Amino acid sequence: MSSSLAPECSEKKERYDTCFIKWYSEKYLRGEGSTNECEGLFKEYKSCLDAALKQKGIHSMIEEARKTSPNNDNAKGLK
């Protein structure tokens, strides 16, 4: 698995990635679970990443790119 864009969030990303791969391969693909059981871990990782990007001044550039994206409807789902 790859590390996070923000090194301080890599542990949270690894926990989420491990959970997601297990859920996806062992449950979702077998039709045993349609609800992503790892959503809480994803929210923790996203919160850490958002904070790191804000601290580094990157978050505002991402938001601006989303506003000017020709596929703005698709970019809204990434928030």
Protein backbone atom coordinates (compact mmCIF):
# COMPACT_ATOMS: atom_id res chain seq x y z
CA MET A 1 0.00 0.00 0.00
CA SER A 2 1.14 3.52 -0.65
CA SER A 3 1.86 6.05 2.03
CA SER A 4 -0.21 9.14 2.56
CA LEU A 5 0.53 12.50 0.96
CA ALA A 6 0.96 13.69 4.54
CA PRO A 7 3.40 11.42 6.42
CA GLU A 8 1.65 12.15 9.71
CA CYS A 9 -1.49 10.51 8.29
CA SER A 10 0.15 7.36 6.90
CA GLU A 11 -0.86 5.18 9.85
CA LYS A 12 -4.52 6.18 9.47
CA LYS A 13 -4.34 5.57 5.71
CA GLU A 14 -2.80 2.14 6.23
CA ARG A 15 -5.52 1.15 8.72
CA TYR A 16 -8.22 2.31 6.29
CA ASP A 17 -6.61 0.63 3.27
CA THR A 18 -6.24 -2.67 5.14
CA CYS A 19 -9.84 -2.55 6.34
CA PHE A 20 -11.20 -1.62 2.92
CA ILE A 21 -9.29 -4.31 1.03
CA LYS A 22 -10.45 -6.96 3.51
CA TRP A 23 -14.09 -5.79 3.41
CA TYR A 24 -14.12 -5.44 -0.37
CA SER A 25 -12.55 -8.82 -1.12
CA GLU A 26 -14.12 -10.89 1.66
CA LYS A 27 -17.61 -9.41 1.82
CA TYR A 28 -18.57 -6.99 -0.94
CA LEU A 29 -17.40 -9.10 -3.88
CA ARG A 30 -19.19 -12.12 -2.40
CA GLY A 31 -22.44 -10.20 -1.99
CA GLU A 32 -22.30 -10.38 1.80
CA GLY A 33 -22.12 -6.68 2.59
CA SER A 34 -23.11 -3.58 0.70
CA THR A 35 -22.27 -1.11 3.47
CA ASN A 36 -18.65 -0.05 3.69
CA GLU A 37 -17.63 -1.09 7.20
CA CYS A 38 -14.51 1.07 7.02
CA GLU A 39 -16.22 4.44 6.63
CA GLY A 40 -15.22 5.57 10.13
CA LEU A 41 -11.55 4.87 9.40
CA PHE A 42 -11.85 6.76 6.11
CA LYS A 43 -13.30 9.79 7.92
CA GLU A 44 -10.40 9.73 10.40
CA TYR A 45 -7.87 9.59 7.56
CA LYS A 46 -9.65 12.32 5.57
CA SER A 47 -9.79 14.58 8.62
CA CYS A 48 -6.05 14.12 9.22
CA LEU A 49 -5.27 14.73 5.55
CA ASP A 50 -7.47 17.82 5.35
CA ALA A 51 -5.75 19.31 8.41
CA ALA A 52 -2.29 18.57 6.98
CA LEU A 53 -3.18 20.07 3.60
CA LYS A 54 -4.54 23.21 5.27
CA GLN A 55 -1.39 23.55 7.37
CA LYS A 56 0.77 23.28 4.23
CA GLY A 57 -1.39 25.76 2.30
CA ILE A 58 -2.44 23.19 -0.27
CA HIS A 59 -6.10 22.88 0.72
CA SER A 60 -7.06 26.27 -0.72
CA MET A 61 -5.43 25.37 -4.05
CA ILE A 62 -7.47 22.16 -4.20
CA GLU A 63 -10.68 24.03 -3.42
CA GLU A 64 -9.92 26.58 -6.14
CA ALA A 65 -9.22 23.80 -8.65
CA ARG A 66 -12.54 22.18 -7.77
CA LYS A 67 -14.38 25.45 -8.41
CA THR A 68 -12.80 25.92 -11.83
CA SER A 69 -12.93 22.27 -12.90
CA PRO A 70 -14.91 21.62 -16.10
CA ASN A 71 -16.25 18.52 -14.33
CA ASN A 72 -17.34 20.41 -11.25
CA ASP A 73 -20.18 17.97 -10.51
CA ASN A 74 -17.67 15.13 -10.17
CA ALA A 75 -15.34 17.19 -7.99
CA LYS A 76 -18.09 17.83 -5.45
CA GLY A 77 -18.07 14.15 -4.48
CA LEU A 78 -14.43 14.41 -3.43
CA LYS A 79 -15.10 16.87 -0.60
